[in-house]
């Protein structure tokens, strides 16, 4: 009988008591990792001091890379190599001051046996809070136990107490008394009946979700498994970004120029310049307009009710940013697109709902929102935003805590003050968008909104819903918030009713949050409850977060 040499796993060294690993996950894009490293390094030094104050010592789980000029894990392969050498039972902090690709280290966190803490600084400069929320949503979907913390100041006594508790026990918990199961909420009979009827219609007639390449930027939480999606009546059409690129090359210059002219006639302003690397150029806009036409035609080819374009990473080197395309698709009042033979206007008089970064949870939410609002005579345009950051209003306009909801340029113009005329298009930041492309930038108009998020937990689809108001702030305060985040992107000044900053961070299971306007506070309440009823009828576990406007309980 032949004798075989049996492989043995690489052995790791046990981490001594009183020591904790610190890990920094980053971007795939070298330019982003290099630009953001200084902020990450400064945060890590503050964390090390806080850990030391608690009587522990930080051990960095992976080295600074001198050749790349940063200390982030920048690929899934690198993440696997790092985890092969770690003590699998040691406590581990994943510290994020930047946007990160969760799949770089999700594999290791799934099998890690020691306590896990995700940690972010309260800063809007680089989207570390957004990165941490994405990782939290991905860990939740994967069924991994973890704790999470965030802080303005890591020397703050409250944070120090929470960190010490986690180091001692491996757990830190947050109050969630703002979360109410839908079964405990009074839903009007009209809204309940409408939600149920819309769910039955969707499940019977079904709908197609066009997905241009799954898995944008490692967002594991944004992929809905087919066995959870299909019972809602929605089925994926898996499309290729290479097909979108090819179709874009088949659109004539005249067709694309007509799209731009339509936007400019509606009041849109493009801030252009001559240099491709730093400016928004006419050629970039031309290609974006071609992509818009191509996306609508492909959606029509496959009978899609909604589509999502990944863009990062598949298209970033060959086409300018898809954000101008995406926000336009989400708008009812948009440039018309004809079939290839010119005989039909496609999706005439309606938006083609788009989910940014192929976030399928946002896509399903957007489709539900569209159908509920259409049936109720409410504005149908909806979009996701990053739950980017928040701060108290320094202008004295409001005493409420005001969130910065901000996404990379893809909002429907009807959400903005002035509509198309209130929108400008600026070049995307070069470190994320080497091929350029313009955004749809503006300030969301005051009004009442419904916010929501679908997520996966315990192998189930779940939905959180709530109410918020969009407030108007002086331009100086808006500029401050833009300058502390990303000034090229559209911004929404949101006040979440009955949900504090810390409650939102403790509960929310995603980097994205879905928003849609309603015509009044009372109509927004009804739209929220009808959407909740529809989601429940589709098989989701639904929770209502916070209160009505004014603080009244549900």
Protein backbone atom coordinates (compact mmCIF):
# COMPACT_ATOMS: atom_id res chain seq x y z
CA UNK A 1 0.00 0.00 0.00
CA UNK A 2 1.34 3.40 -0.94
CA UNK A 3 2.26 5.84 1.81
CA UNK A 4 1.20 9.45 1.35
CA UNK A 5 2.72 12.58 2.75
CA UNK A 6 -0.16 14.25 4.53
CA UNK A 7 -0.36 18.06 4.39
CA UNK A 8 -0.43 19.96 7.65
CA UNK A 9 -1.85 23.49 8.08
CA UNK A 10 0.57 26.28 8.85
CA UNK A 11 0.96 26.60 12.59
CA UNK A 12 0.31 29.94 14.26
CA UNK A 13 1.86 31.26 17.43
CA UNK A 14 -0.50 31.72 20.36
CA UNK A 15 -0.97 35.38 21.19
CA UNK A 16 -0.01 36.07 24.83
CA UNK A 17 -2.68 37.11 27.31
CA UNK A 18 -3.30 40.85 27.41
CA UNK A 19 -2.59 41.34 23.71
CA UNK A 20 -5.10 42.02 20.93
CA UNK A 21 -4.68 41.94 17.18
CA UNK A 22 -5.42 45.07 15.14
CA UNK A 23 -6.22 44.72 11.46
CA UNK A 24 -6.72 47.40 8.78
CA UNK A 25 -8.68 46.40 5.71
CA UNK A 26 -8.52 48.66 2.70
CA UNK A 27 -9.40 49.27 -0.91
CA UNK A 28 -8.33 47.33 -3.98
CA UNK A 29 -7.29 50.62 -5.61
CA UNK A 30 -3.71 51.56 -4.72
CA UNK A 31 -4.38 55.28 -5.14
CA UNK A 32 -7.14 55.15 -2.52
CA UNK A 33 -5.02 53.19 -0.05
CA UNK A 34 -2.12 55.61 -0.40
CA UNK A 35 -4.27 58.74 -0.10
CA UNK A 36 -6.14 57.45 2.95
CA UNK A 37 -3.26 55.87 4.85
CA UNK A 38 -2.39 58.94 6.94
CA UNK A 39 -5.89 59.06 8.44
CA UNK A 40 -5.81 55.33 9.19
CA UNK A 41 -2.37 55.55 10.79
CA UNK A 42 -3.42 58.42 13.04
CA UNK A 43 -6.52 56.53 14.15
CA UNK A 44 -4.52 53.39 14.90
CA UNK A 45 -2.20 55.35 17.18
CA UNK A 46 -5.21 56.64 19.11
CA UNK A 47 -6.63 53.12 19.36
CA UNK A 48 -3.31 51.79 20.65
CA UNK A 49 -3.36 54.42 23.42
CA UNK A 50 -6.94 53.52 24.35
CA UNK A 51 -6.10 49.81 24.46
CA UNK A 52 -3.04 50.58 26.58
CA UNK A 53 -5.15 52.59 29.00
CA UNK A 54 -7.30 49.48 29.42
CA UNK A 55 -4.19 47.49 30.33
CA UNK A 56 -3.78 45.68 27.01
CA UNK A 57 -1.32 45.88 24.12
CA UNK A 58 -2.05 46.15 20.40
CA UNK A 59 -0.29 43.74 18.06
CA UNK A 60 -0.65 44.73 14.43
CA UNK A 61 -1.78 41.65 12.49
CA UNK A 62 0.05 42.62 9.30
CA UNK A 63 2.90 45.00 8.44
CA UNK A 64 3.12 48.36 6.75
CA UNK A 65 4.07 47.81 3.09
CA UNK A 66 6.97 50.11 2.32
CA UNK A 67 6.85 49.43 -1.40
CA UNK A 68 3.14 50.39 -1.62
CA UNK A 69 3.29 53.18 0.98
CA UNK A 70 0.34 51.95 3.06
CA UNK A 71 -0.53 49.37 5.69
CA UNK A 72 -3.89 48.07 4.43
CA UNK A 73 -4.90 44.59 3.39
CA UNK A 74 -5.64 45.21 -0.28
CA UNK A 75 -6.86 41.89 -1.68
CA UNK A 76 -8.61 38.69 -0.69
CA UNK A 77 -5.43 36.69 -1.32
CA UNK A 78 -3.45 38.98 0.98
CA UNK A 79 -6.13 38.66 3.63
CA UNK A 80 -5.94 34.88 3.51
CA UNK A 81 -2.17 34.99 3.87
CA UNK A 82 -2.50 37.22 6.93
CA UNK A 83 -5.04 34.98 8.65
CA UNK A 84 -2.92 31.85 8.08
CA UNK A 85 -0.43 33.15 10.66
CA UNK A 86 -2.84 34.47 13.29
CA UNK A 87 -3.84 32.82 16.53
CA UNK A 88 -7.44 31.82 15.65
CA UNK A 89 -8.64 32.24 19.25
CA UNK A 90 -7.14 35.66 19.98
CA UNK A 91 -9.23 38.84 20.24
CA UNK A 92 -9.21 40.84 17.00
CA UNK A 93 -10.03 44.49 16.24
CA UNK A 94 -10.82 45.48 12.66
CA UNK A 95 -10.20 49.24 12.66
CA UNK A 96 -11.55 51.30 9.76
CA UNK A 97 -10.97 54.97 8.99
CA UNK A 98 -11.54 54.35 5.25
CA UNK A 99 -13.75 52.56 2.76
CA UNK A 100 -12.85 48.87 2.67
CA UNK A 101 -13.65 45.77 0.62
CA UNK A 102 -15.22 43.31 3.06
CA UNK A 103 -14.32 40.20 1.09
CA UNK A 104 -10.62 40.89 1.68
CA UNK A 105 -10.99 39.48 5.18
CA UNK A 106 -14.50 38.04 5.50
CA UNK A 107 -13.15 34.52 4.96
CA UNK A 108 -10.87 34.82 7.98
CA UNK A 109 -13.50 36.41 10.20
CA UNK A 110 -15.96 33.62 9.38
CA UNK A 111 -13.56 31.00 10.74
CA UNK A 112 -11.97 33.10 13.50
CA UNK A 113 -12.79 31.69 16.93
CA UNK A 114 -11.82 34.66 19.09
CA UNK A 115 -13.84 37.80 19.85
CA UNK A 116 -14.19 40.26 16.93
CA UNK A 117 -14.66 44.01 17.25
CA UNK A 118 -15.31 46.33 14.32
CA UNK A 119 -14.24 49.86 15.11
CA UNK A 120 -14.41 53.22 13.29
CA UNK A 121 -13.64 56.84 14.05
CA UNK A 122 -16.49 59.34 13.74
CA UNK A 123 -15.20 61.20 10.71
CA UNK A 124 -16.60 61.93 7.28
CA UNK A 125 -13.25 62.66 5.63
CA UNK A 126 -12.77 59.15 4.31
CA UNK A 127 -15.78 56.81 4.46
CA UNK A 128 -14.57 54.63 7.34
CA UNK A 129 -18.02 54.60 8.95
CA UNK A 130 -19.46 53.45 5.64
CA UNK A 131 -16.80 50.75 5.40
CA UNK A 132 -17.49 49.51 8.92
CA UNK A 133 -21.24 49.37 8.32
CA UNK A 134 -20.67 47.33 5.18
CA UNK A 135 -18.46 44.92 7.08
CA UNK A 136 -21.07 44.69 9.86
CA UNK A 137 -23.78 43.87 7.32
CA UNK A 138 -21.56 41.26 5.70
CA UNK A 139 -20.72 39.64 9.05
CA UNK A 140 -24.42 39.64 9.95
CA UNK A 141 -25.31 37.92 6.68
CA UNK A 142 -22.51 35.37 7.22
CA UNK A 143 -23.75 34.56 10.72
CA UNK A 144 -20.57 35.72 12.46
CA UNK A 145 -20.77 37.00 16.03
CA UNK A 146 -19.11 40.39 16.47
CA UNK A 147 -19.26 43.60 18.45
CA UNK A 148 -19.05 47.11 17.04
CA UNK A 149 -17.92 50.50 18.35
CA UNK A 150 -17.40 54.02 17.01
CA UNK A 151 -16.15 57.20 18.63
CA UNK A 152 -15.43 60.89 18.08
CA UNK A 153 -12.59 60.61 20.57
CA UNK A 154 -10.97 57.34 21.60
CA UNK A 155 -9.98 58.92 24.93
CA UNK A 156 -13.64 59.59 25.78
CA UNK A 157 -14.58 57.88 29.07
CA UNK A 158 -17.69 56.26 27.60
CA UNK A 159 -15.74 54.74 24.74
CA UNK A 160 -12.97 53.67 27.12
CA UNK A 161 -15.55 51.89 29.28
CA UNK A 162 -17.05 50.10 26.25
CA UNK A 163 -13.63 49.08 24.93
CA UNK A 164 -12.57 47.77 28.34
CA UNK A 165 -15.76 45.73 28.57
CA UNK A 166 -15.09 44.14 25.19
CA UNK A 167 -11.46 43.36 26.05
CA UNK A 168 -12.58 41.66 29.28
CA UNK A 169 -15.67 39.81 28.05
CA UNK A 170 -15.42 39.69 24.25
CA UNK A 171 -18.77 41.46 23.92
CA UNK A 172 -20.24 44.94 23.98
CA UNK A 173 -23.94 45.55 23.46
CA UNK A 174 -26.02 48.62 22.62
CA UNK A 175 -29.64 49.43 23.55
CA UNK A 176 -32.08 48.87 20.69
CA UNK A 177 -35.31 50.03 22.28
CA UNK A 178 -36.08 52.14 19.21
CA UNK A 179 -36.73 48.97 17.17
CA UNK A 180 -40.32 47.68 17.10
CA UNK A 181 -41.51 44.48 15.39
CA UNK A 182 -44.22 45.24 12.84
CA UNK A 183 -46.56 42.98 14.81
CA UNK A 184 -46.44 45.56 17.62
CA UNK A 185 -47.27 48.47 15.30
CA UNK A 186 -50.77 49.54 14.30
CA UNK A 187 -51.04 49.40 10.50
CA UNK A 188 -54.19 50.89 9.00
CA UNK A 189 -56.47 48.46 7.21
CA UNK A 190 -56.15 50.34 3.91
CA UNK A 191 -52.35 50.29 4.02
CA UNK A 192 -52.30 46.63 5.10
CA UNK A 193 -54.64 45.65 2.27
CA UNK A 194 -52.65 47.59 -0.31
CA UNK A 195 -49.36 46.10 0.83
CA UNK A 196 -50.76 42.59 0.69
CA UNK A 197 -52.31 43.13 -2.76
CA UNK A 198 -49.07 44.54 -4.17
CA UNK A 199 -47.13 41.59 -2.76
CA UNK A 200 -49.55 39.09 -4.29
CA UNK A 201 -49.29 40.86 -7.65
CA UNK A 202 -45.49 40.77 -7.61
CA UNK A 203 -45.36 37.12 -6.59
CA UNK A 204 -47.86 36.14 -9.29
CA UNK A 205 -46.69 38.30 -12.18
CA UNK A 206 -42.99 38.31 -11.17
CA UNK A 207 -40.28 40.78 -12.13
CA UNK A 208 -36.73 40.66 -13.48
CA UNK A 209 -33.80 42.29 -11.70
CA UNK A 210 -31.01 42.98 -14.19
CA UNK A 211 -27.62 42.63 -12.50
CA UNK A 212 -24.56 43.87 -14.38
CA UNK A 213 -22.01 41.72 -12.50
CA UNK A 214 -22.55 40.91 -8.83
CA UNK A 215 -20.35 41.77 -5.91
CA UNK A 216 -19.29 45.40 -6.24
CA UNK A 217 -16.26 46.26 -4.10
CA UNK A 218 -16.55 43.15 -1.95
CA UNK A 219 -20.05 43.98 -0.64
CA UNK A 220 -21.08 40.48 0.40
CA UNK A 221 -24.06 41.95 2.23
CA UNK A 222 -25.41 43.40 -1.03
CA UNK A 223 -25.93 40.01 -2.72
CA UNK A 224 -29.31 38.38 -2.08
CA UNK A 225 -29.13 34.58 -2.48
CA UNK A 226 -31.60 33.34 -5.10
CA UNK A 227 -33.40 31.10 -2.61
CA UNK A 228 -34.31 34.20 -0.58
CA UNK A 229 -35.00 36.55 -3.50
CA UNK A 230 -37.13 34.29 -5.70
CA UNK A 231 -40.01 33.78 -3.21
CA UNK A 232 -40.65 37.54 -3.43
CA UNK A 233 -41.40 37.12 -7.14
CA UNK A 234 -38.13 38.74 -8.27
CA UNK A 235 -35.60 36.81 -10.36
CA UNK A 236 -32.14 37.88 -11.45
CA UNK A 237 -31.07 38.30 -15.05
CA UNK A 238 -27.31 38.05 -14.76
CA UNK A 239 -25.91 40.51 -17.25
CA UNK A 240 -22.33 41.38 -18.13
CA UNK A 241 -20.65 44.76 -17.92
CA UNK A 242 -18.74 43.81 -21.04
CA UNK A 243 -22.09 43.74 -22.85
CA UNK A 244 -22.87 47.19 -21.46
CA UNK A 245 -19.51 48.45 -22.68
CA UNK A 246 -20.07 47.00 -26.15
CA UNK A 247 -23.59 48.38 -26.39
CA UNK A 248 -22.29 51.80 -25.35
CA UNK A 249 -19.87 51.74 -28.30
CA UNK A 250 -22.81 51.12 -30.66
CA UNK A 251 -24.66 54.29 -29.66
CA UNK A 252 -24.14 57.15 -32.10
CA UNK A 253 -22.64 60.48 -31.11
CA UNK A 254 -25.82 62.23 -32.24
CA UNK A 255 -27.98 60.17 -29.88
CA UNK A 256 -25.65 60.84 -26.96
CA UNK A 257 -25.41 64.55 -27.72
CA UNK A 258 -29.21 64.73 -27.75
CA UNK A 259 -29.25 63.31 -24.20
CA UNK A 260 -26.80 65.96 -23.01
CA UNK A 261 -28.78 68.71 -24.75
CA UNK A 262 -31.96 67.51 -23.03
CA UNK A 263 -30.23 67.71 -19.64
CA UNK A 264 -28.82 71.16 -20.32
CA UNK A 265 -32.16 72.43 -21.61
CA UNK A 266 -33.65 71.20 -18.31
CA UNK A 267 -31.07 73.32 -16.45
CA UNK A 268 -28.29 70.82 -15.70
CA UNK A 269 -24.84 72.44 -15.51
CA UNK A 270 -21.68 70.52 -16.45
CA UNK A 271 -18.45 71.86 -14.97
CA UNK A 272 -16.03 70.90 -17.70
CA UNK A 273 -12.33 71.40 -18.36
CA UNK A 274 -9.64 70.33 -20.83
CA UNK A 275 -7.61 67.79 -18.85
CA UNK A 276 -8.86 64.20 -18.70
CA UNK A 277 -6.97 63.29 -15.52
CA UNK A 278 -8.37 66.14 -13.44
CA UNK A 279 -11.37 67.63 -15.25
CA UNK A 280 -14.79 66.56 -16.42
CA UNK A 281 -14.37 66.59 -20.19
CA UNK A 282 -16.87 66.68 -23.02
CA UNK A 283 -15.68 63.25 -24.14
CA UNK A 284 -16.39 61.77 -20.71
CA UNK A 285 -19.92 63.20 -20.77
CA UNK A 286 -20.46 61.84 -24.28
CA UNK A 287 -19.54 58.35 -23.11
CA UNK A 288 -21.79 58.64 -20.05
CA UNK A 289 -24.72 59.60 -22.27
CA UNK A 290 -23.98 56.61 -24.49
CA UNK A 291 -23.94 54.35 -21.45
CA UNK A 292 -27.33 55.72 -20.38
CA UNK A 293 -28.89 54.82 -23.71
CA UNK A 294 -27.17 51.43 -23.76
CA UNK A 295 -28.37 50.56 -20.25
CA UNK A 296 -32.00 51.33 -21.12
CA UNK A 297 -31.84 49.29 -24.33
CA UNK A 298 -30.32 46.25 -22.64
CA UNK A 299 -32.90 46.46 -19.84
CA UNK A 300 -35.63 46.48 -22.47
CA UNK A 301 -34.01 43.53 -24.31
CA UNK A 302 -34.35 41.37 -21.20
CA UNK A 303 -37.64 42.74 -19.85
CA UNK A 304 -36.05 44.11 -16.68
CA UNK A 305 -38.13 46.00 -14.13
CA UNK A 306 -34.96 47.34 -12.50
CA UNK A 307 -31.21 47.17 -13.11
CA UNK A 308 -27.96 47.63 -11.21
CA UNK A 309 -24.54 48.49 -12.61
CA UNK A 310 -21.46 47.45 -10.65
CA UNK A 311 -18.99 49.87 -12.28
CA UNK A 312 -16.24 49.34 -9.67
CA UNK A 313 -14.15 47.45 -10.59
CA UNK A 314 -15.27 46.15 -13.96
CA UNK A 315 -15.80 49.38 -15.90
CA UNK A 316 -13.61 51.90 -14.09
CA UNK A 317 -10.73 51.61 -16.56
CA UNK A 318 -12.75 51.62 -19.79
CA UNK A 319 -15.71 53.96 -19.23
CA UNK A 320 -16.34 57.07 -17.13
CA UNK A 321 -18.43 56.82 -13.98
CA UNK A 322 -21.92 55.35 -14.22
CA UNK A 323 -23.40 57.74 -11.64
CA UNK A 324 -24.81 60.25 -14.12
CA UNK A 325 -26.48 57.30 -15.82
CA UNK A 326 -27.85 55.85 -12.61
CA UNK A 327 -29.42 59.01 -11.21
CA UNK A 328 -31.02 59.72 -14.57
CA UNK A 329 -32.49 56.22 -14.72
CA UNK A 330 -34.13 56.77 -11.31
CA UNK A 331 -35.87 59.91 -12.56
CA UNK A 332 -39.34 60.04 -14.13
CA UNK A 333 -38.55 63.25 -16.02
CA UNK A 334 -35.53 62.09 -18.01
CA UNK A 335 -34.17 62.14 -21.58
CA UNK A 336 -36.20 59.80 -23.82
CA UNK A 337 -34.50 56.68 -25.16
CA UNK A 338 -35.68 55.07 -28.37
CA UNK A 339 -35.29 51.45 -29.43
CA UNK A 340 -32.40 50.74 -31.78
CA UNK A 341 -34.67 51.10 -34.82
CA UNK A 342 -36.15 54.33 -33.45
CA UNK A 343 -39.67 52.90 -33.38
CA UNK A 344 -40.41 52.85 -29.65
CA UNK A 345 -39.69 55.01 -26.65
CA UNK A 346 -38.45 52.68 -23.92
CA UNK A 347 -39.90 52.91 -20.39
CA UNK A 348 -41.75 56.05 -21.49
CA UNK A 349 -42.95 58.33 -18.70
CA UNK A 350 -41.44 56.31 -15.89
CA UNK A 351 -38.10 55.74 -14.21
CA UNK A 352 -36.13 52.56 -14.71
CA UNK A 353 -35.25 51.90 -11.06
CA UNK A 354 -31.51 51.49 -10.63
CA UNK A 355 -29.59 50.15 -7.63
CA UNK A 356 -26.18 51.73 -7.24
CA UNK A 357 -23.16 49.42 -6.87
CA UNK A 358 -25.43 46.43 -7.69
CA UNK A 359 -26.70 46.47 -4.10
CA UNK A 360 -29.48 43.95 -4.62
CA UNK A 361 -30.98 44.68 -1.20
CA UNK A 362 -31.39 48.30 -2.28
CA UNK A 363 -32.73 47.10 -5.63
CA UNK A 364 -35.49 44.99 -4.11
CA UNK A 365 -36.26 47.83 -1.69
CA UNK A 366 -36.36 50.31 -4.59
CA UNK A 367 -38.79 48.17 -6.57
CA UNK A 368 -41.10 47.77 -3.57
CA UNK A 369 -40.91 51.50 -2.88
CA UNK A 370 -41.66 52.36 -6.50
CA UNK A 371 -44.77 50.17 -6.58
CA UNK A 372 -46.09 51.32 -3.22
CA UNK A 373 -45.59 55.01 -3.96
CA UNK A 374 -47.07 54.68 -7.45
CA UNK A 375 -50.18 53.02 -6.06
CA UNK A 376 -50.53 55.71 -3.39
CA UNK A 377 -49.95 58.69 -5.68
CA UNK A 378 -46.69 59.60 -3.93
CA UNK A 379 -43.39 60.56 -5.61
CA UNK A 380 -41.97 57.33 -7.02
CA UNK A 381 -38.33 58.44 -7.37
CA UNK A 382 -36.16 56.76 -4.77
CA UNK A 383 -32.47 56.14 -4.26
CA UNK A 384 -29.94 54.74 -1.88
CA UNK A 385 -27.42 56.92 -0.07
CA UNK A 386 -24.36 56.09 1.97
CA UNK A 387 -25.01 56.54 5.66
CA UNK A 388 -21.89 58.67 5.44
CA UNK A 389 -21.59 60.69 8.64
CA UNK A 390 -23.46 63.12 10.83
CA UNK A 391 -22.97 66.13 13.07
CA UNK A 392 -24.87 68.69 15.08
CA UNK A 393 -25.86 71.72 13.05
CA UNK A 394 -23.32 74.47 13.69
CA UNK A 395 -25.45 77.19 12.06
CA UNK A 396 -28.09 77.18 14.79
CA UNK A 397 -30.86 76.40 12.29
CA UNK A 398 -32.00 73.26 14.08
CA UNK A 399 -31.35 71.59 17.41
CA UNK A 400 -31.72 68.16 15.81
CA UNK A 401 -28.83 65.88 14.94
CA UNK A 402 -28.40 66.06 11.17
CA UNK A 403 -27.11 63.13 9.14
CA UNK A 404 -25.10 63.44 5.96
CA UNK A 405 -26.71 61.04 3.51
CA UNK A 406 -24.46 61.11 0.48
CA UNK A 407 -23.92 58.83 -2.50
CA UNK A 408 -21.47 58.96 -5.38
CA UNK A 409 -23.56 61.06 -7.72
CA UNK A 410 -26.56 58.94 -8.63
CA UNK A 411 -29.62 60.60 -7.10
CA UNK A 412 -32.72 61.40 -9.16
CA UNK A 413 -32.75 65.16 -9.84
CA UNK A 414 -36.30 65.48 -8.51
CA UNK A 415 -34.82 64.90 -5.04
CA UNK A 416 -32.76 68.09 -5.39
CA UNK A 417 -33.76 71.66 -4.73
CA UNK A 418 -34.52 73.03 -8.19
CA UNK A 419 -34.65 69.60 -9.84
CA UNK A 420 -32.51 69.41 -12.97
CA UNK A 421 -31.89 73.15 -12.72
CA UNK A 422 -30.47 72.66 -9.23
CA UNK A 423 -28.06 69.96 -10.36
CA UNK A 424 -24.44 70.30 -11.40
CA UNK A 425 -22.14 67.64 -12.72
CA UNK A 426 -18.57 67.62 -11.42
CA UNK A 427 -15.72 65.24 -12.15
CA UNK A 428 -15.50 62.24 -9.89
CA UNK A 429 -12.44 62.08 -7.57
CA UNK A 430 -9.53 60.68 -9.57
CA UNK A 431 -8.35 58.25 -6.90
CA UNK A 432 -11.60 56.31 -7.19
CA UNK A 433 -12.49 57.12 -10.82
CA UNK A 434 -9.45 57.17 -13.12
CA UNK A 435 -11.67 57.42 -16.23
CA UNK A 436 -13.51 60.44 -14.84
CA UNK A 437 -17.16 61.09 -15.46
CA UNK A 438 -19.61 63.50 -13.92
CA UNK A 439 -21.95 63.28 -10.95
CA UNK A 440 -25.44 64.62 -10.31
CA UNK A 441 -24.59 67.01 -7.49
CA UNK A 442 -27.11 69.05 -5.56
CA UNK A 443 -28.81 69.58 -2.21
CA UNK A 444 -31.85 67.47 -1.38
CA UNK A 445 -34.92 69.63 -0.95
CA UNK A 446 -36.72 69.91 2.40
CA UNK A 447 -39.52 67.44 2.95
CA UNK A 448 -40.72 64.21 4.50
CA UNK A 449 -39.05 60.93 3.61
CA UNK A 450 -39.39 57.24 4.31
CA UNK A 451 -36.11 55.46 4.92
CA UNK A 452 -35.56 51.73 4.81
CA UNK A 453 -33.07 48.90 4.45
CA UNK A 454 -33.43 45.27 3.45
CA UNK A 455 -30.73 42.96 4.80
CA UNK A 456 -29.98 39.28 5.24
CA UNK A 457 -29.75 37.76 8.71
CA UNK A 458 -30.27 34.18 9.91
CA UNK A 459 -30.73 33.19 6.25
CA UNK A 460 -33.82 35.41 6.07
CA UNK A 461 -34.71 38.65 4.34
CA UNK A 462 -35.42 41.38 6.86
CA UNK A 463 -36.39 45.02 6.50
CA UNK A 464 -36.02 48.02 8.80
CA UNK A 465 -38.19 51.05 8.02
CA UNK A 466 -38.44 54.49 9.57
CA UNK A 467 -39.31 58.11 9.04
CA UNK A 468 -37.13 61.15 8.60
CA UNK A 469 -37.25 64.76 7.57
CA UNK A 470 -34.92 66.58 5.22
CA UNK A 471 -34.00 70.01 6.57
CA UNK A 472 -32.64 73.07 4.82
CA UNK A 473 -29.35 74.37 6.17
CA UNK A 474 -27.50 77.57 5.26
CA UNK A 475 -25.14 77.14 2.34
CA UNK A 476 -22.16 77.71 4.66
CA UNK A 477 -23.15 74.72 6.79
CA UNK A 478 -23.80 72.63 3.69
CA UNK A 479 -20.38 73.54 2.32
CA UNK A 480 -18.78 72.58 5.63
CA UNK A 481 -20.39 69.17 5.45
CA UNK A 482 -19.44 68.75 1.78
CA UNK A 483 -15.85 69.73 2.52
CA UNK A 484 -15.70 67.23 5.38
CA UNK A 485 -16.91 64.46 3.05
CA UNK A 486 -16.96 64.48 -0.77
CA UNK A 487 -17.96 67.83 -2.31
CA UNK A 488 -18.63 66.38 -5.78
CA UNK A 489 -21.54 64.27 -4.53
CA UNK A 490 -25.22 65.02 -3.80
CA UNK A 491 -26.10 65.58 -0.16
CA UNK A 492 -29.21 65.06 1.96
CA UNK A 493 -29.52 66.76 5.37
CA UNK A 494 -31.59 64.11 7.17
CA UNK A 495 -33.09 64.03 10.65
CA UNK A 496 -34.22 60.54 11.64
CA UNK A 497 -37.30 60.64 13.83
CA UNK A 498 -36.82 58.88 17.14
CA UNK A 499 -33.51 57.31 16.12
CA UNK A 500 -30.34 58.78 17.57
CA UNK A 501 -26.90 58.60 16.02
CA UNK A 502 -25.81 55.74 18.24
CA UNK A 503 -29.07 53.84 17.84
CA UNK A 504 -28.74 53.99 14.05
CA UNK A 505 -25.14 52.80 14.14
CA UNK A 506 -25.93 49.99 16.54
CA UNK A 507 -28.81 48.62 14.48
CA UNK A 508 -28.14 49.39 10.82
CA UNK A 509 -26.81 46.43 8.86
CA UNK A 510 -25.49 48.16 5.75
CA UNK A 511 -23.52 51.05 4.35
CA UNK A 512 -26.56 52.08 2.31
CA UNK A 513 -29.94 53.50 3.30
CA UNK A 514 -32.93 53.83 0.93
CA UNK A 515 -34.94 57.07 0.83
CA UNK A 516 -38.11 58.26 -0.90
CA UNK A 517 -40.09 61.48 -0.46
CA UNK A 518 -43.79 61.73 0.34
CA UNK A 519 -46.11 64.72 0.03
CA UNK A 520 -46.80 65.25 3.73
CA UNK A 521 -45.95 63.77 7.14
CA UNK A 522 -49.25 61.88 7.26
CA UNK A 523 -48.82 60.48 3.76
CA UNK A 524 -45.23 59.51 4.54
CA UNK A 525 -46.42 57.56 7.59
CA UNK A 526 -48.98 55.71 5.48
CA UNK A 527 -46.47 55.01 2.71
CA UNK A 528 -44.02 53.60 5.25
CA UNK A 529 -46.65 51.33 6.77
CA UNK A 530 -47.88 50.15 3.36
CA UNK A 531 -44.31 49.32 2.37
CA UNK A 532 -43.81 47.47 5.63
CA UNK A 533 -47.01 45.50 5.00
CA UNK A 534 -45.91 44.63 1.46
CA UNK A 535 -42.50 43.47 2.67
CA UNK A 536 -44.08 41.32 5.38
CA UNK A 537 -46.48 39.79 2.86
CA UNK A 538 -43.45 38.95 0.71
CA UNK A 539 -42.04 36.94 3.60
CA UNK A 540 -39.73 39.45 5.24
CA UNK A 541 -39.31 40.05 8.95
CA UNK A 542 -40.04 43.77 9.33
CA UNK A 543 -39.16 46.20 12.11
CA UNK A 544 -40.24 49.83 12.46
CA UNK A 545 -37.53 52.06 13.90
CA UNK A 546 -38.05 55.27 15.81
CA UNK A 547 -41.20 57.38 15.95
CA UNK A 548 -43.49 59.54 13.89
CA UNK A 549 -42.58 63.17 13.31
CA UNK A 550 -42.88 64.95 16.63
CA UNK A 551 -42.00 61.88 18.66
CA UNK A 552 -45.35 60.08 18.69
CA UNK A 553 -44.93 56.32 19.06
CA UNK A 554 -46.16 53.96 16.39
